[in-house]
Amino acid sequence: MSYLSSVILSVGIYLLCVLSVYMLTGLLGMFSFGQTAFMAIGAYVSAIICVNYKLPFILGIMGGIAVSCSIAYVVGHITLRLSKEYFSLATFVFGEAVKGLLNTSISITGGALGFTNIPPYTKGRMVYLSCIFIIWLLYNLKHSQLGTMAITIREDEIAAQMQIVSINGHLGHDRRSVRDVIPGHRKSQ
């Protein structure tokens, strides 16, 4: 791979990371230090599936996404009940814990040297198609009812909590979806 193509590939991968940060910071107003931890979990799981188990690349990607999303669900379920400052602190601790775990699991991850012998399956076209797809998803999320609620929460969380009854009525009394969007909602009940 030439230098220019590796730089272009790296830019696309970093763009995917920035888009994930935008979703939390730009839409919800929450700052997370755990983005790279989830990215690392997905990458290591994908590499282990493809290299150690010799499974197809698409199964490695799906496995990495599934494991990373499952862990994100558990971590999010715990941390989204915290205020924004403690949320940032909790995600920082999670990120450091993942880094420590990956660095000490030498037999599985290669430790600080990283995982080796990963075949170069990732191509620029795949990365940039993923970027376009994620940008499209974020655009649709931002302009949806859920996105409007998220922006309302970002701008004024207390006012959004005061509007919980009208929001619930508008969503057909689906309290769980609103509760999952509003951080700290359970503290006020």
Protein backbone atom coordinates (compact mmCIF):
# COMPACT_ATOMS: atom_id res chain seq x y z
CA MET A 1 0.00 0.00 0.00
CA SER A 2 1.40 3.37 -0.96
CA TYR A 3 1.93 6.17 1.53
CA LEU A 4 -0.86 8.30 0.06
CA SER A 5 -3.42 5.50 0.13
CA SER A 6 -2.52 4.62 3.74
CA VAL A 7 -2.99 8.27 4.74
CA ILE A 8 -6.34 8.42 2.96
CA LEU A 9 -7.40 5.21 4.70
CA SER A 10 -6.34 6.59 8.08
CA VAL A 11 -8.28 9.81 7.47
CA GLY A 12 -11.42 7.78 6.75
CA ILE A 13 -10.99 5.69 9.90
CA TYR A 14 -10.48 8.83 12.00
CA LEU A 15 -13.54 10.37 10.36
CA LEU A 16 -15.58 7.40 11.59
CA CYS A 17 -14.25 8.02 15.10
CA VAL A 18 -15.07 11.74 14.87
CA LEU A 19 -18.60 10.93 13.71
CA SER A 20 -19.12 8.75 16.78
CA VAL A 21 -17.90 11.59 19.01
CA TYR A 22 -20.25 13.99 17.18
CA MET A 23 -23.21 11.80 18.01
CA LEU A 24 -22.59 12.10 21.75
CA THR A 25 -21.08 15.57 21.96
CA GLY A 26 -22.82 17.34 19.11
CA LEU A 27 -26.29 15.90 19.50
CA LEU A 28 -26.50 15.09 23.22
CA GLY A 29 -23.95 17.50 24.65
CA MET A 30 -22.17 14.70 26.54
CA PHE A 31 -18.43 14.30 26.39
CA SER A 32 -17.15 10.72 26.32
CA PHE A 33 -13.60 9.51 26.73
CA GLY A 34 -14.63 5.93 25.93
CA GLN A 35 -14.96 6.16 22.15
CA THR A 36 -11.50 4.79 21.45
CA ALA A 37 -12.06 1.95 23.91
CA PHE A 38 -15.13 0.76 21.99
CA MET A 39 -13.27 1.19 18.72
CA ALA A 40 -10.36 -0.88 20.11
CA ILE A 41 -12.68 -3.63 21.35
CA GLY A 42 -14.32 -3.91 17.94
CA ALA A 43 -10.97 -3.88 16.13
CA TYR A 44 -9.37 -6.52 18.36
CA VAL A 45 -12.41 -8.81 18.22
CA SER A 46 -12.49 -8.49 14.42
CA ALA A 47 -8.78 -9.24 14.16
CA ILE A 48 -9.00 -12.23 16.49
CA ILE A 49 -11.94 -13.69 14.56
CA CYS A 50 -10.22 -13.23 11.19
CA VAL A 51 -6.67 -14.25 12.14
CA ASN A 52 -7.05 -16.83 14.92
CA TYR A 53 -10.26 -18.50 13.76
CA LYS A 54 -9.72 -17.97 9.99
CA LEU A 55 -13.31 -16.80 9.49
CA PRO A 56 -14.31 -14.47 6.64
CA PHE A 57 -13.69 -10.75 7.05
CA ILE A 58 -17.39 -9.85 7.10
CA LEU A 59 -17.96 -12.22 10.05
CA GLY A 60 -15.05 -10.59 11.83
CA ILE A 61 -16.57 -7.15 11.28
CA MET A 62 -20.00 -8.34 12.46
CA GLY A 63 -18.45 -10.02 15.50
CA GLY A 64 -16.52 -6.86 16.39
CA ILE A 65 -19.64 -4.74 16.03
CA ALA A 66 -21.72 -7.15 18.12
CA VAL A 67 -19.21 -7.39 20.98
CA SER A 68 -18.50 -3.66 21.00
CA CYS A 69 -22.21 -2.78 20.93
CA SER A 70 -22.98 -5.26 23.69
CA ILE A 71 -20.31 -3.79 25.94
CA ALA A 72 -21.43 -0.25 25.01
CA TYR A 73 -24.99 -1.15 26.00
CA VAL A 74 -23.88 -2.37 29.43
CA VAL A 75 -21.56 0.60 30.01
CA GLY A 76 -24.19 3.03 28.71
CA HIS A 77 -26.88 1.52 30.90
CA ILE A 78 -24.71 2.27 33.92
CA THR A 79 -23.14 5.61 32.95
CA LEU A 80 -26.11 7.38 31.36
CA ARG A 81 -27.72 7.62 34.79
CA LEU A 82 -24.88 9.90 35.87
CA SER A 83 -24.65 13.66 35.38
CA LYS A 84 -22.59 14.89 32.44
CA GLU A 85 -19.44 15.46 34.51
CA TYR A 86 -19.55 12.03 36.10
CA PHE A 87 -20.42 10.48 32.74
CA SER A 88 -17.17 11.88 31.32
CA LEU A 89 -15.22 10.61 34.31
CA ALA A 90 -16.80 7.14 34.12
CA THR A 91 -16.05 6.82 30.40
CA PHE A 92 -12.46 7.93 31.06
CA VAL A 93 -12.10 5.19 33.66
CA PHE A 94 -13.62 2.65 31.27
CA GLY A 95 -11.22 3.70 28.51
CA GLU A 96 -8.22 3.35 30.79
CA ALA A 97 -9.45 -0.04 32.02
CA VAL A 98 -9.77 -1.31 28.45
CA LYS A 99 -6.30 0.03 27.60
CA GLY A 100 -4.84 -1.70 30.64
CA LEU A 101 -6.64 -4.95 29.83
CA LEU A 102 -5.46 -4.91 26.21
CA ASN A 103 -1.88 -4.12 27.25
CA THR A 104 -1.71 -6.92 29.82
CA SER A 105 -3.42 -9.58 27.67
CA ILE A 106 -0.23 -10.29 25.75
CA SER A 107 -1.20 -13.81 24.66
CA ILE A 108 -4.48 -12.59 23.15
CA THR A 109 -3.85 -9.04 21.93
CA GLY A 110 -0.07 -8.84 21.65
CA GLY A 111 0.12 -6.39 24.54
CA ALA A 112 1.58 -2.94 23.94
CA LEU A 113 3.04 -4.07 20.60
CA GLY A 114 -0.44 -4.80 19.27
CA PHE A 115 -1.94 -7.58 17.21
CA THR A 116 0.24 -8.76 14.33
CA ASN A 117 -0.25 -10.56 11.00
CA ILE A 118 -3.59 -8.90 10.25
CA PRO A 119 -4.33 -9.25 6.54
CA PRO A 120 -5.03 -5.90 4.82
CA TYR A 121 -8.74 -6.45 4.18
CA THR A 122 -9.74 -2.85 4.83
CA LYS A 123 -9.87 -0.85 1.63
CA GLY A 124 -10.44 2.86 1.14
CA ARG A 125 -13.71 2.28 -0.67
CA MET A 126 -15.12 0.30 2.26
CA VAL A 127 -14.08 2.95 4.77
CA TYR A 128 -15.50 5.85 2.77
CA LEU A 129 -18.75 4.01 2.03
CA SER A 130 -19.03 3.43 5.78
CA CYS A 131 -18.40 7.15 6.37
CA ILE A 132 -21.11 8.12 3.89
CA PHE A 133 -23.54 5.64 5.46
CA ILE A 134 -22.84 6.92 9.00
CA ILE A 135 -23.17 10.56 7.88
CA TRP A 136 -26.51 9.68 6.29
CA LEU A 137 -27.65 7.93 9.49
CA LEU A 138 -26.59 10.87 11.66
CA TYR A 139 -28.30 13.35 9.35
CA ASN A 140 -31.54 11.36 9.53
CA LEU A 141 -31.20 10.99 13.31
CA LYS A 142 -30.62 14.71 13.78
CA HIS A 143 -33.70 15.59 11.73
CA SER A 144 -35.94 12.95 13.31
CA GLN A 145 -38.17 13.27 16.36
CA LEU A 146 -35.57 11.49 18.48
CA GLY A 147 -32.87 13.87 17.24
CA THR A 148 -35.02 16.88 18.09
CA MET A 149 -35.49 15.51 21.60
CA ALA A 150 -31.74 14.91 21.90
CA ILE A 151 -30.95 18.48 20.86
CA THR A 152 -33.58 19.77 23.30
CA ILE A 153 -31.94 17.79 26.09
CA ARG A 154 -28.52 19.12 25.08
CA GLU A 155 -29.70 22.72 25.18
CA ASP A 156 -31.65 22.55 28.45
CA GLU A 157 -31.91 19.23 30.27
CA ILE A 158 -34.18 20.57 33.03
CA ALA A 159 -36.65 22.03 30.54
CA ALA A 160 -36.63 18.76 28.64
CA GLN A 161 -37.41 16.86 31.85
CA MET A 162 -40.28 19.26 32.53
CA GLN A 163 -41.70 18.42 29.09
CA ILE A 164 -41.56 14.64 29.70
CA VAL A 165 -45.36 14.31 29.84
CA SER A 166 -45.98 16.02 26.51
CA ILE A 167 -43.08 14.16 24.91
CA ASN A 168 -44.49 10.87 26.15
CA GLY A 169 -47.94 11.70 24.81
CA HIS A 170 -46.43 12.54 21.45
CA LEU A 171 -44.53 9.24 21.34
CA GLY A 172 -47.61 7.21 22.18
CA HIS A 173 -46.76 6.87 25.89
CA ASP A 174 -43.48 5.07 25.26
CA ARG A 175 -41.75 6.13 28.48
CA ARG A 176 -38.81 3.78 27.99
CA SER A 177 -37.58 5.52 24.83
CA VAL A 178 -37.70 8.92 26.51
CA ARG A 179 -36.11 7.58 29.69
CA ASP A 180 -33.23 6.17 27.66
CA VAL A 181 -32.68 9.51 25.94
CA ILE A 182 -32.77 11.74 29.03
CA PRO A 183 -29.73 11.20 31.24
CA GLY A 184 -30.55 11.30 34.90
CA HIS A 185 -34.29 10.90 34.39
CA ARG A 186 -34.51 8.12 36.94
CA LYS A 187 -32.92 10.36 39.58
CA SER A 188 -35.86 12.76 39.34
CA GLN A 189 -38.51 10.10 39.96
